[in-house]
Amino acid sequence: MADERSVEQLLDDADAAESSYSAGLAAITKSASADGVDVTVDLHGKLIGLRFARPALELTPAALSGVVRRLVAWASAAALADGLAVLGGLGEGLLPPAVPAPPSEEDETPTPAPWAVTVH
């Protein structure tokens, strides 16, 4: 079956689809929380929100930075997975099927649980 749309209609449809992808990707943020630290990142993994509660202020500087790094890594991977989902099958095979746990280090800071990540 032939497509009966005009060239102008096809171009308008393509622009609408591109605009839809752009808006969907721009709206993606992910947050993660653990040990009194809340981080929020955008699709690119850029930190756009950081909040410390009282328990975070009681951590050593090394432990606090470790928590922040792991939370940002976890939220960034989750945001990227959401971005690929927005694009449909275009990015298939670029990420594993599930978002991996953040890399753990041998320090006194526990790795945040996967259920600590929330979508805003």
PDB file of N, CA and C in Angstrom:
ATOM      1  N   MET A   1       0.844  -1.182   0.000  1.00  0.00           N
ATOM      2  CA  MET A   1       0.000   0.000   0.000  1.00  0.00           C
ATOM      3  C   MET A   1       0.890   1.245   0.000  1.00  0.00           C
ATOM      4  N   ALA A   2       0.629   2.135  -0.906  1.00  0.00           N
ATOM      5  CA  ALA A   2       1.429   3.344  -1.050  1.00  0.00           C
ATOM      6  C   ALA A   2       0.993   4.391  -0.028  1.00  0.00           C
ATOM      7  N   ASP A   3       1.967   5.185   0.400  1.00  0.00           N
ATOM      8  CA  ASP A   3       1.682   6.288   1.317  1.00  0.00           C
ATOM      9  C   ASP A   3       1.201   7.466   0.483  1.00  0.00           C
ATOM     10  N   GLU A   4       0.027   7.965   0.786  1.00  0.00           N
ATOM     11  CA  GLU A   4      -0.605   9.011  -0.023  1.00  0.00           C
ATOM     12  C   GLU A   4      -0.320  10.429   0.502  1.00  0.00           C
ATOM     13  N   ARG A   5       0.546  10.551   1.502  1.00  0.00           N
ATOM     14  CA  ARG A   5       0.828  11.877   2.056  1.00  0.00           C
ATOM     15  C   ARG A   5       1.732  12.670   1.117  1.00  0.00           C
ATOM     16  N   SER A   6       1.580  13.980   1.168  1.00  0.00           N
ATOM     17  CA  SER A   6       2.424  14.850   0.346  1.00  0.00           C
ATOM     18  C   SER A   6       3.791  14.988   1.015  1.00  0.00           C
ATOM     19  N   VAL A   7       4.729  15.534   0.277  1.00  0.00           N
ATOM     20  CA  VAL A   7       6.064  15.774   0.805  1.00  0.00           C
ATOM     21  C   VAL A   7       5.984  16.683   2.034  1.00  0.00           C
ATOM     22  N   GLU A   8       5.161  17.713   1.965  1.00  0.00           N
ATOM     23  CA  GLU A   8       5.016  18.632   3.093  1.00  0.00           C
ATOM     24  C   GLU A   8       4.487  17.909   4.335  1.00  0.00           C
ATOM     25  N   GLN A   9       3.516  17.013   4.116  1.00  0.00           N
ATOM     26  CA  GLN A   9       2.964  16.268   5.246  1.00  0.00           C
ATOM     27  C   GLN A   9       4.015  15.335   5.846  1.00  0.00           C
ATOM     28  N   LEU A  10       4.804  14.703   4.997  1.00  0.00           N
ATOM     29  CA  LEU A  10       5.863  13.822   5.486  1.00  0.00           C
ATOM     30  C   LEU A  10       6.898  14.596   6.298  1.00  0.00           C
ATOM     31  N   LEU A  11       7.271  15.783   5.811  1.00  0.00           N
ATOM     32  CA  LEU A  11       8.228  16.617   6.543  1.00  0.00           C
ATOM     33  C   LEU A  11       7.653  17.087   7.873  1.00  0.00           C
ATOM     34  N   ASP A  12       6.382  17.469   7.875  1.00  0.00           N
ATOM     35  CA  ASP A  12       5.731  17.879   9.125  1.00  0.00           C
ATOM     36  C   ASP A  12       5.682  16.728  10.121  1.00  0.00           C
ATOM     37  N   ASP A  13       5.376  15.532   9.629  1.00  0.00           N
ATOM     38  CA  ASP A  13       5.339  14.353  10.503  1.00  0.00           C
ATOM     39  C   ASP A  13       6.722  14.060  11.084  1.00  0.00           C
ATOM     40  N   ALA A  14       7.763  14.198  10.256  1.00  0.00           N
ATOM     41  CA  ALA A  14       9.128  13.961  10.725  1.00  0.00           C
ATOM     42  C   ALA A  14       9.525  14.987  11.783  1.00  0.00           C
ATOM     43  N   ASP A  15       9.157  16.260  11.569  1.00  0.00           N
ATOM     44  CA  ASP A  15       9.456  17.303  12.552  1.00  0.00           C
ATOM     45  C   ASP A  15       8.734  17.046  13.872  1.00  0.00           C
ATOM     46  N   ALA A  16       7.496  16.602  13.792  1.00  0.00           N
ATOM     47  CA  ALA A  16       6.720  16.316  15.001  1.00  0.00           C
ATOM     48  C   ALA A  16       7.346  15.168  15.779  1.00  0.00           C
ATOM     49  N   ALA A  17       7.808  14.144  15.069  1.00  0.00           N
ATOM     50  CA  ALA A  17       8.439  13.002  15.744  1.00  0.00           C
ATOM     51  C   ALA A  17       9.733  13.433  16.417  1.00  0.00           C
ATOM     52  N   GLU A  18      10.531  14.246  15.721  1.00  0.00           N
ATOM     53  CA  GLU A  18      11.790  14.726  16.290  1.00  0.00           C
ATOM     54  C   GLU A  18      11.532  15.575  17.524  1.00  0.00           C
ATOM     55  N   SER A  19      10.536  16.442  17.457  1.00  0.00           N
ATOM     56  CA  SER A  19      10.177  17.285  18.585  1.00  0.00           C
ATOM     57  C   SER A  19       9.718  16.438  19.767  1.00  0.00           C
ATOM     58  N   SER A  20       8.984  15.375  19.484  1.00  0.00           N
ATOM     59  CA  SER A  20       8.502  14.480  20.532  1.00  0.00           C
ATOM     60  C   SER A  20       9.678  13.793  21.225  1.00  0.00           C
ATOM     61  N   TYR A  21      10.651  13.298  20.438  1.00  0.00           N
ATOM     62  CA  TYR A  21      11.839  12.676  21.019  1.00  0.00           C
ATOM     63  C   TYR A  21      12.612  13.679  21.868  1.00  0.00           C
ATOM     64  N   SER A  22      12.815  14.876  21.349  1.00  0.00           N
ATOM     65  CA  SER A  22      13.580  15.897  22.076  1.00  0.00           C
ATOM     66  C   SER A  22      12.931  16.238  23.410  1.00  0.00           C
ATOM     67  N   ALA A  23      11.623  16.435  23.397  1.00  0.00           N
ATOM     68  CA  ALA A  23      10.921  16.768  24.635  1.00  0.00           C
ATOM     69  C   ALA A  23      10.981  15.616  25.623  1.00  0.00           C
ATOM     70  N   GLY A  24      10.809  14.399  25.128  1.00  0.00           N
ATOM     71  CA  GLY A  24      10.865  13.233  26.003  1.00  0.00           C
ATOM     72  C   GLY A  24      12.234  13.054  26.630  1.00  0.00           C
ATOM     73  N   LEU A  25      13.277  13.255  25.846  1.00  0.00           N
ATOM     74  CA  LEU A  25      14.636  13.109  26.371  1.00  0.00           C
ATOM     75  C   LEU A  25      14.987  14.228  27.347  1.00  0.00           C
ATOM     76  N   ALA A  26      14.567  15.452  27.033  1.00  0.00           N
ATOM     77  CA  ALA A  26      14.881  16.594  27.901  1.00  0.00           C
ATOM     78  C   ALA A  26      14.212  16.480  29.262  1.00  0.00           C
ATOM     79  N   ALA A  27      13.104  15.764  29.323  1.00  0.00           N
ATOM     80  CA  ALA A  27      12.354  15.653  30.580  1.00  0.00           C
ATOM     81  C   ALA A  27      12.902  14.571  31.514  1.00  0.00           C
ATOM     82  N   ILE A  28      13.850  13.797  31.060  1.00  0.00           N
ATOM     83  CA  ILE A  28      14.338  12.672  31.865  1.00  0.00           C
ATOM     84  C   ILE A  28      15.245  13.150  32.984  1.00  0.00           C
ATOM     85  N   THR A  29      14.892  12.780  34.195  1.00  0.00           N
ATOM     86  CA  THR A  29      15.763  12.940  35.366  1.00  0.00           C
ATOM     87  C   THR A  29      15.617  11.673  36.200  1.00  0.00           C
ATOM     88  N   LYS A  30      16.636  11.369  36.957  1.00  0.00           N
ATOM     89  CA  LYS A  30      16.590  10.248  37.889  1.00  0.00           C
ATOM     90  C   LYS A  30      17.187  10.710  39.208  1.00  0.00           C
ATOM     91  N   SER A  31      16.641  10.191  40.277  1.00  0.00           N
ATOM     92  CA  SER A  31      17.134  10.514  41.619  1.00  0.00           C
ATOM     93  C   SER A  31      17.495   9.232  42.342  1.00  0.00           C
ATOM     94  N   ALA A  32      18.444   9.348  43.237  1.00  0.00           N
ATOM     95  CA  ALA A  32      18.831   8.226  44.084  1.00  0.00           C
ATOM     96  C   ALA A  32      19.086   8.770  45.483  1.00  0.00           C
ATOM     97  N   SER A  33      18.800   7.935  46.484  1.00  0.00           N
ATOM     98  CA  SER A  33      18.950   8.355  47.879  1.00  0.00           C
ATOM     99  C   SER A  33      19.566   7.232  48.696  1.00  0.00           C
ATOM    100  N   ALA A  34      20.441   7.599  49.596  1.00  0.00           N
ATOM    101  CA  ALA A  34      21.011   6.657  50.557  1.00  0.00           C
ATOM    102  C   ALA A  34      21.776   7.451  51.602  1.00  0.00           C
ATOM    103  N   ASP A  35      21.774   6.960  52.814  1.00  0.00           N
ATOM    104  CA  ASP A  35      22.582   7.525  53.901  1.00  0.00           C
ATOM    105  C   ASP A  35      22.404   9.027  54.075  1.00  0.00           C
ATOM    106  N   GLY A  36      21.211   9.535  53.840  1.00  0.00           N
ATOM    107  CA  GLY A  36      20.948  10.952  54.023  1.00  0.00           C
ATOM    108  C   GLY A  36      21.387  11.815  52.864  1.00  0.00           C
ATOM    109  N   VAL A  37      21.752  11.205  51.748  1.00  0.00           N
ATOM    110  CA  VAL A  37      22.168  11.939  50.554  1.00  0.00           C
ATOM    111  C   VAL A  37      21.117  11.709  49.476  1.00  0.00           C
ATOM    112  N   ASP A  38      20.655  12.788  48.846  1.00  0.00           N
ATOM    113  CA  ASP A  38      19.737  12.709  47.718  1.00  0.00           C
ATOM    114  C   ASP A  38      20.404  13.384  46.526  1.00  0.00           C
ATOM    115  N   VAL A  39      20.512  12.662  45.407  1.00  0.00           N
ATOM    116  CA  VAL A  39      21.068  13.252  44.186  1.00  0.00           C
ATOM    117  C   VAL A  39      20.036  13.141  43.075  1.00  0.00           C
ATOM    118  N   THR A  40      20.066  14.091  42.157  1.00  0.00           N
ATOM    119  CA  THR A  40      19.238  14.051  40.957  1.00  0.00           C
ATOM    120  C   THR A  40      20.136  14.389  39.779  1.00  0.00           C
ATOM    121  N   VAL A  41      20.025  13.586  38.713  1.00  0.00           N
ATOM    122  CA  VAL A  41      20.816  13.814  37.503  1.00  0.00           C
ATOM    123  C   VAL A  41      19.885  13.923  36.312  1.00  0.00           C
ATOM    124  N   ASP A  42      20.400  14.545  35.238  1.00  0.00           N
ATOM    125  CA  ASP A  42      19.631  14.606  34.000  1.00  0.00           C
ATOM    126  C   ASP A  42      20.040  13.440  33.099  1.00  0.00           C
ATOM    127  N   LEU A  43      19.543  13.431  31.892  1.00  0.00           N
ATOM    128  CA  LEU A  43      19.815  12.349  30.954  1.00  0.00           C
ATOM    129  C   LEU A  43      21.312  12.153  30.724  1.00  0.00           C
ATOM    130  N   HIS A  44      22.069  13.216  30.770  1.00  0.00           N
ATOM    131  CA  HIS A  44      23.504  13.167  30.492  1.00  0.00           C
ATOM    132  C   HIS A  44      24.335  12.813  31.717  1.00  0.00           C
ATOM    133  N   GLY A  45      23.686  12.589  32.851  1.00  0.00           N
ATOM    134  CA  GLY A  45      24.406  12.271  34.073  1.00  0.00           C
ATOM    135  C   GLY A  45      24.888  13.495  34.823  1.00  0.00           C
ATOM    136  N   LYS A  46      24.473  14.678  34.356  1.00  0.00           N
ATOM    137  CA  LYS A  46      24.880  15.921  35.028  1.00  0.00           C
ATOM    138  C   LYS A  46      24.094  16.055  36.329  1.00  0.00           C
ATOM    139  N   LEU A  47      24.797  16.324  37.398  1.00  0.00           N
ATOM    140  CA  LEU A  47      24.176  16.500  38.706  1.00  0.00           C
ATOM    141  C   LEU A  47      23.371  17.797  38.704  1.00  0.00           C
ATOM    142  N   ILE A  48      22.053  17.676  38.894  1.00  0.00           N
ATOM    143  CA  ILE A  48      21.194  18.863  38.893  1.00  0.00           C
ATOM    144  C   ILE A  48      20.528  19.083  40.241  1.00  0.00           C
ATOM    145  N   GLY A  49      20.745  18.161  41.174  1.00  0.00           N
ATOM    146  CA  GLY A  49      20.191  18.321  42.514  1.00  0.00           C
ATOM    147  C   GLY A  49      21.007  17.533  43.512  1.00  0.00           C
ATOM    148  N   LEU A  50      21.306  18.144  44.646  1.00  0.00           N
ATOM    149  CA  LEU A  50      22.076  17.489  45.708  1.00  0.00           C
ATOM    150  C   LEU A  50      21.571  18.003  47.042  1.00  0.00           C
ATOM    151  N   ARG A  51      21.197  17.063  47.911  1.00  0.00           N
ATOM    152  CA  ARG A  51      20.682  17.454  49.226  1.00  0.00           C
ATOM    153  C   ARG A  51      21.274  16.529  50.271  1.00  0.00           C
ATOM    154  N   PHE A  52      21.675  17.119  51.393  1.00  0.00           N
ATOM    155  CA  PHE A  52      22.222  16.358  52.511  1.00  0.00           C
ATOM    156  C   PHE A  52      21.303  16.481  53.711  1.00  0.00           C
ATOM    157  N   ALA A  53      20.938  15.355  54.279  1.00  0.00           N
ATOM    158  CA  ALA A  53      20.197  15.330  55.538  1.00  0.00           C
ATOM    159  C   ALA A  53      21.198  15.092  56.669  1.00  0.00           C
ATOM    160  N   ARG A  54      20.750  15.176  57.883  1.00  0.00           N
ATOM    161  CA  ARG A  54      21.620  15.054  59.055  1.00  0.00           C
ATOM    162  C   ARG A  54      22.524  13.807  59.017  1.00  0.00           C
ATOM    163  N   PRO A  55      22.023  12.610  58.661  1.00  0.00           N
ATOM    164  CA  PRO A  55      22.918  11.436  58.654  1.00  0.00           C
ATOM    165  C   PRO A  55      24.109  11.598  57.703  1.00  0.00           C
ATOM    166  N   ALA A  56      23.927  12.292  56.595  1.00  0.00           N
ATOM    167  CA  ALA A  56      25.024  12.498  55.648  1.00  0.00           C
ATOM    168  C   ALA A  56      26.110  13.367  56.243  1.00  0.00           C
ATOM    169  N   LEU A  57      25.716  14.327  57.071  1.00  0.00           N
ATOM    170  CA  LEU A  57      26.690  15.244  57.663  1.00  0.00           C
ATOM    171  C   LEU A  57      27.535  14.579  58.732  1.00  0.00           C
ATOM    172  N   GLU A  58      27.136  13.405  59.154  1.00  0.00           N
ATOM    173  CA  GLU A  58      27.900  12.666  60.155  1.00  0.00           C
ATOM    174  C   GLU A  58      28.901  11.706  59.532  1.00  0.00           C
ATOM    175  N   LEU A  59      28.905  11.586  58.199  1.00  0.00           N
ATOM    176  CA  LEU A  59      29.859  10.729  57.502  1.00  0.00           C
ATOM    177  C   LEU A  59      31.205  11.429  57.382  1.00  0.00           C
ATOM    178  N   THR A  60      32.251  10.631  57.234  1.00  0.00           N
ATOM    179  CA  THR A  60      33.565  11.222  56.972  1.00  0.00           C
ATOM    180  C   THR A  60      33.541  11.795  55.543  1.00  0.00           C
ATOM    181  N   PRO A  61      34.441  12.724  55.231  1.00  0.00           N
ATOM    182  CA  PRO A  61      34.472  13.270  53.864  1.00  0.00           C
ATOM    183  C   PRO A  61      34.641  12.185  52.803  1.00  0.00           C
ATOM    184  N   ALA A  62      35.500  11.205  53.060  1.00  0.00           N
ATOM    185  CA  ALA A  62      35.713  10.134  52.081  1.00  0.00           C
ATOM    186  C   ALA A  62      34.450   9.299  51.905  1.00  0.00           C
ATOM    187  N   ALA A  63      33.781   8.988  52.995  1.00  0.00           N
ATOM    188  CA  ALA A  63      32.551   8.195  52.916  1.00  0.00           C
ATOM    189  C   ALA A  63      31.449   8.982  52.204  1.00  0.00           C
ATOM    190  N   LEU A  64      31.334  10.270  52.511  1.00  0.00           N
ATOM    191  CA  LEU A  64      30.312  11.107  51.878  1.00  0.00           C
ATOM    192  C   LEU A  64      30.540  11.205  50.372  1.00  0.00           C
ATOM    193  N   SER A  65      31.776  11.433  49.968  1.00  0.00           N
ATOM    194  CA  SER A  65      32.051  11.521  48.533  1.00  0.00           C
ATOM    195  C   SER A  65      31.807  10.182  47.852  1.00  0.00           C
ATOM    196  N   GLY A  66      32.087   9.086  48.539  1.00  0.00           N
ATOM    197  CA  GLY A  66      31.814   7.762  47.980  1.00  0.00           C
ATOM    198  C   GLY A  66      30.330   7.529  47.763  1.00  0.00           C
ATOM    199  N   VAL A  67      29.511   7.958  48.730  1.00  0.00           N
ATOM    200  CA  VAL A  67      28.056   7.817  48.594  1.00  0.00           C
ATOM    201  C   VAL A  67      27.573   8.646  47.416  1.00  0.00           C
ATOM    202  N   VAL A  68      28.029   9.884  47.320  1.00  0.00           N
ATOM    203  CA  VAL A  68      27.599  10.761  46.223  1.00  0.00           C
ATOM    204  C   VAL A  68      28.001  10.161  44.878  1.00  0.00           C
ATOM    205  N   ARG A  69      29.247   9.705  44.750  1.00  0.00           N
ATOM    206  CA  ARG A  69      29.715   9.120  43.491  1.00  0.00           C
ATOM    207  C   ARG A  69      28.878   7.907  43.088  1.00  0.00           C
ATOM    208  N   ARG A  70      28.623   7.018  44.023  1.00  0.00           N
ATOM    209  CA  ARG A  70      27.853   5.818  43.697  1.00  0.00           C
ATOM    210  C   ARG A  70      26.407   6.147  43.340  1.00  0.00           C
ATOM    211  N   LEU A  71      25.807   7.089  44.065  1.00  0.00           N
ATOM    212  CA  LEU A  71      24.427   7.470  43.747  1.00  0.00           C
ATOM    213  C   LEU A  71      24.331   8.123  42.368  1.00  0.00           C
ATOM    214  N   VAL A  72      25.283   8.987  42.050  1.00  0.00           N
ATOM    215  CA  VAL A  72      25.288   9.644  40.740  1.00  0.00           C
ATOM    216  C   VAL A  72      25.484   8.599  39.643  1.00  0.00           C
ATOM    217  N   ALA A  73      26.380   7.633  39.853  1.00  0.00           N
ATOM    218  CA  ALA A  73      26.601   6.589  38.851  1.00  0.00           C
ATOM    219  C   ALA A  73      25.334   5.766  38.635  1.00  0.00           C
ATOM    220  N   TRP A  74      24.667   5.414  39.720  1.00  0.00           N
ATOM    221  CA  TRP A  74      23.447   4.607  39.616  1.00  0.00           C
ATOM    222  C   TRP A  74      22.343   5.389  38.907  1.00  0.00           C
ATOM    223  N   ALA A  75      22.121   6.620  39.332  1.00  0.00           N
ATOM    224  CA  ALA A  75      21.060   7.431  38.733  1.00  0.00           C
ATOM    225  C   ALA A  75      21.372   7.739  37.268  1.00  0.00           C
ATOM    226  N   SER A  76      22.644   7.952  36.935  1.00  0.00           N
ATOM    227  CA  SER A  76      23.033   8.231  35.545  1.00  0.00           C
ATOM    228  C   SER A  76      22.733   7.038  34.646  1.00  0.00           C
ATOM    229  N   ALA A  77      23.059   5.850  35.110  1.00  0.00           N
ATOM    230  CA  ALA A  77      22.784   4.646  34.324  1.00  0.00           C
ATOM    231  C   ALA A  77      21.275   4.461  34.137  1.00  0.00           C
ATOM    232  N   ALA A  78      20.507   4.743  35.183  1.00  0.00           N
ATOM    233  CA  ALA A  78      19.048   4.618  35.087  1.00  0.00           C
ATOM    234  C   ALA A  78      18.474   5.664  34.127  1.00  0.00           C
ATOM    235  N   ALA A  79      19.011   6.889  34.153  1.00  0.00           N
ATOM    236  CA  ALA A  79      18.540   7.940  33.238  1.00  0.00           C
ATOM    237  C   ALA A  79      18.862   7.576  31.792  1.00  0.00           C
ATOM    238  N   LEU A  80      20.038   7.040  31.570  1.00  0.00           N
ATOM    239  CA  LEU A  80      20.420   6.634  30.219  1.00  0.00           C
ATOM    240  C   LEU A  80      19.514   5.510  29.716  1.00  0.00           C
ATOM    241  N   ALA A  81      19.195   4.569  30.586  1.00  0.00           N
ATOM    242  CA  ALA A  81      18.283   3.487  30.202  1.00  0.00           C
ATOM    243  C   ALA A  81      16.908   4.050  29.833  1.00  0.00           C
ATOM    244  N   ASP A  82      16.433   5.036  30.585  1.00  0.00           N
ATOM    245  CA  ASP A  82      15.160   5.673  30.253  1.00  0.00           C
ATOM    246  C   ASP A  82      15.245   6.403  28.906  1.00  0.00           C
ATOM    247  N   GLY A  83      16.390   7.035  28.640  1.00  0.00           N
ATOM    248  CA  GLY A  83      16.578   7.720  27.369  1.00  0.00           C
ATOM    249  C   GLY A  83      16.525   6.753  26.203  1.00  0.00           C
ATOM    250  N   LEU A  84      17.137   5.608  26.365  1.00  0.00           N
ATOM    251  CA  LEU A  84      17.084   4.603  25.315  1.00  0.00           C
ATOM    252  C   LEU A  84      15.670   4.076  25.125  1.00  0.00           C
ATOM    253  N   ALA A  85      14.919   3.981  26.216  1.00  0.00           N
ATOM    254  CA  ALA A  85      13.526   3.537  26.118  1.00  0.00           C
ATOM    255  C   ALA A  85      12.686   4.546  25.331  1.00  0.00           C
ATOM    256  N   VAL A  86      12.960   5.843  25.531  1.00  0.00           N
ATOM    257  CA  VAL A  86      12.238   6.880  24.787  1.00  0.00           C
ATOM    258  C   VAL A  86      12.490   6.734  23.288  1.00  0.00           C
ATOM    259  N   LEU A  87      13.713   6.369  22.944  1.00  0.00           N
ATOM    260  CA  LEU A  87      14.078   6.239  21.535  1.00  0.00           C
ATOM    261  C   LEU A  87      13.593   4.926  20.925  1.00  0.00           C
ATOM    262  N   GLY A  88      12.975   4.097  21.716  1.00  0.00           N
ATOM    263  CA  GLY A  88      12.498   2.815  21.203  1.00  0.00           C
ATOM    264  C   GLY A  88      13.659   1.881  20.964  1.00  0.00           C
ATOM    265  N   GLY A  89      13.664   1.197  19.871  1.00  0.00           N
ATOM    266  CA  GLY A  89      14.699   0.223  19.571  1.00  0.00           C
ATOM    267  C   GLY A  89      15.960   0.814  18.981  1.00  0.00           C
ATOM    268  N   LEU A  90      16.032   2.142  18.850  1.00  0.00           N
ATOM    269  CA  LEU A  90      17.199   2.762  18.208  1.00  0.00           C
ATOM    270  C   LEU A  90      18.505   2.485  18.936  1.00  0.00           C
ATOM    271  N   GLY A  91      18.454   2.389  20.264  1.00  0.00           N
ATOM    272  CA  GLY A  91      19.676   2.180  21.032  1.00  0.00           C
ATOM    273  C   GLY A  91      19.831   0.768  21.545  1.00  0.00           C
ATOM    274  N   GLU A  92      19.092  -0.168  20.989  1.00  0.00           N
ATOM    275  CA  GLU A  92      19.117  -1.543  21.468  1.00  0.00           C
ATOM    276  C   GLU A  92      20.524  -2.116  21.415  1.00  0.00           C
ATOM    277  N   GLY A  93      20.909  -2.769  22.485  1.00  0.00           N
ATOM    278  CA  GLY A  93      22.219  -3.385  22.563  1.00  0.00           C
ATOM    279  C   GLY A  93      23.294  -2.485  23.139  1.00  0.00           C
ATOM    280  N   LEU A  94      22.985  -1.227  23.406  1.00  0.00           N
ATOM    281  CA  LEU A  94      23.989  -0.313  23.949  1.00  0.00           C
ATOM    282  C   LEU A  94      24.153  -0.472  25.449  1.00  0.00           C
ATOM    283  N   LEU A  95      23.106  -0.893  26.135  1.00  0.00           N
ATOM    284  CA  LEU A  95      23.148  -1.104  27.586  1.00  0.00           C
ATOM    285  C   LEU A  95      22.668  -2.508  27.896  1.00  0.00           C
ATOM    286  N   PRO A  96      23.103  -3.057  29.026  1.00  0.00           N
ATOM    287  CA  PRO A  96      22.541  -4.341  29.441  1.00  0.00           C
ATOM    288  C   PRO A  96      21.061  -4.181  29.746  1.00  0.00           C
ATOM    289  N   PRO A  97      20.293  -5.283  29.777  1.00  0.00           N
ATOM    290  CA  PRO A  97      18.849  -5.178  29.977  1.00  0.00           C
ATOM    291  C   PRO A  97      18.444  -4.525  31.295  1.00  0.00           C
ATOM    292  N   ALA A  98      19.213  -4.678  32.332  1.00  0.00           N
ATOM    293  CA  ALA A  98      18.894  -4.066  33.619  1.00  0.00           C
ATOM    294  C   ALA A  98      19.989  -3.076  33.981  1.00  0.00           C
ATOM    295  N   VAL A  99      19.640  -2.063  34.715  1.00  0.00           N
ATOM    296  CA  VAL A  99      20.632  -1.086  35.163  1.00  0.00           C
ATOM    297  C   VAL A  99      21.504  -1.762  36.219  1.00  0.00           C
ATOM    298  N   PRO A 100      22.806  -1.765  36.022  1.00  0.00           N
ATOM    299  CA  PRO A 100      23.672  -2.437  36.990  1.00  0.00           C
ATOM    300  C   PRO A 100      23.737  -1.677  38.306  1.00  0.00           C
ATOM    301  N   ALA A 101      24.087  -2.415  39.340  1.00  0.00           N
ATOM    302  CA  ALA A 101      24.311  -1.784  40.639  1.00  0.00           C
ATOM    303  C   ALA A 101      25.532  -0.889  40.523  1.00  0.00           C
ATOM    304  N   PRO A 102      25.600   0.162  41.316  1.00  0.00           N
ATOM    305  CA  PRO A 102      26.769   1.039  41.250  1.00  0.00           C
ATOM    306  C   PRO A 102      28.019   0.281  41.671  1.00  0.00           C
ATOM    307  N   PRO A 103      29.168   0.692  41.179  1.00  0.00           N
ATOM    308  CA  PRO A 103      30.400   0.006  41.575  1.00  0.00           C
ATOM    309  C   PRO A 103      30.617   0.162  43.073  1.00  0.00           C
ATOM    310  N   SER A 104      30.954  -0.928  43.714  1.00  0.00           N
ATOM    311  CA  SER A 104      31.177  -0.852  45.161  1.00  0.00           C
ATOM    312  C   SER A 104      32.671  -0.741  45.431  1.00  0.00           C
ATOM    313  N   GLU A 105      32.991  -0.049  46.475  1.00  0.00           N
ATOM    314  CA  GLU A 105      34.370   0.104  46.904  1.00  0.00           C
ATOM    315  C   GLU A 105      34.457  -0.462  48.301  1.00  0.00           C
ATOM    316  N   GLU A 106      35.633  -0.838  48.696  1.00  0.00           N
ATOM    317  CA  GLU A 106      35.831  -1.393  50.025  1.00  0.00           C
ATOM    318  C   GLU A 106      36.035  -0.253  51.024  1.00  0.00           C
ATOM    319  N   ASP A 107      34.957   0.419  51.374  1.00  0.00           N
ATOM    320  CA  ASP A 107      35.011   1.440  52.415  1.00  0.00           C
ATOM    321  C   ASP A 107      33.836   1.221  53.348  1.00  0.00           C
ATOM    322  N   GLU A 108      33.664   2.108  54.288  1.00  0.00           N
ATOM    323  CA  GLU A 108      32.620   1.926  55.290  1.00  0.00           C
ATOM    324  C   GLU A 108      31.234   2.331  54.811  1.00  0.00           C
ATOM    325  N   THR A 109      31.129   2.774  53.562  1.00  0.00           N
ATOM    326  CA  THR A 109      29.845   3.234  53.054  1.00  0.00           C
ATOM    327  C   THR A 109      29.141   2.104  52.325  1.00  0.00           C
ATOM    328  N   PRO A 110      27.924   1.747  52.724  1.00  0.00           N
ATOM    329  CA  PRO A 110      27.211   0.679  52.019  1.00  0.00           C
ATOM    330  C   PRO A 110      26.733   1.142  50.644  1.00  0.00           C
ATOM    331  N   THR A 111      26.626   0.195  49.731  1.00  0.00           N
ATOM    332  CA  THR A 111      26.086   0.477  48.403  1.00  0.00           C
ATOM    333  C   THR A 111      24.585   0.678  48.527  1.00  0.00           C
ATOM    334  N   PRO A 112      24.043   1.725  47.923  1.00  0.00           N
ATOM    335  CA  PRO A 112      22.597   1.966  48.035  1.00  0.00           C
ATOM    336  C   PRO A 112      21.798   0.842  47.396  1.00  0.00           C
ATOM    337  N   ALA A 113      20.669   0.559  47.968  1.00  0.00           N
ATOM    338  CA  ALA A 113      19.791  -0.469  47.429  1.00  0.00           C
ATOM    339  C   ALA A 113      19.141   0.018  46.138  1.00  0.00           C
ATOM    340  N   PRO A 114      18.886  -0.897  45.183  1.00  0.00           N
ATOM    341  CA  PRO A 114      18.281  -0.474  43.914  1.00  0.00           C
ATOM    342  C   PRO A 114      16.937   0.229  44.083  1.00  0.00           C
ATOM    343  N   TRP A 115      16.188  -0.106  45.119  1.00  0.00           N
ATOM    344  CA  TRP A 115      14.879   0.518  45.291  1.00  0.00           C
ATOM    345  C   TRP A 115      14.995   1.955  45.791  1.00  0.00           C
ATOM    346  N   ALA A 116      16.206   2.435  46.039  1.00  0.00           N
ATOM    347  CA  ALA A 116      16.397   3.815  46.493  1.00  0.00           C
ATOM    348  C   ALA A 116      16.259   4.806  45.342  1.00  0.00           C
ATOM    349  N   VAL A 117      16.272   4.347  44.113  1.00  0.00           N
ATOM    350  CA  VAL A 117      16.180   5.242  42.959  1.00  0.00           C
ATOM    351  C   VAL A 117      14.718   5.531  42.684  1.00  0.00           C
ATOM    352  N   THR A 118      14.394   6.815  42.581  1.00  0.00           N
ATOM    353  CA  THR A 118      13.034   7.215  42.270  1.00  0.00           C
ATOM    354  C   THR A 118      13.025   8.129  41.066  1.00  0.00           C
ATOM    355  N   VAL A 119      11.954   8.103  40.317  1.00  0.00           N
ATOM    356  CA  VAL A 119      11.814   8.951  39.132  1.00  0.00           C
ATOM    357  C   VAL A 119      11.084  10.209  39.504  1.00  0.00           C
ATOM    358  N   HIS A 120      11.567  11.371  39.043  1.00  0.00           N
ATOM    359  CA  HIS A 120      10.885  12.654  39.258  1.00  0.00           C
ATOM    360  C   HIS A 120      10.342  13.139  37.965  1.00  0.00           C
TER     361      HIS A 120
END
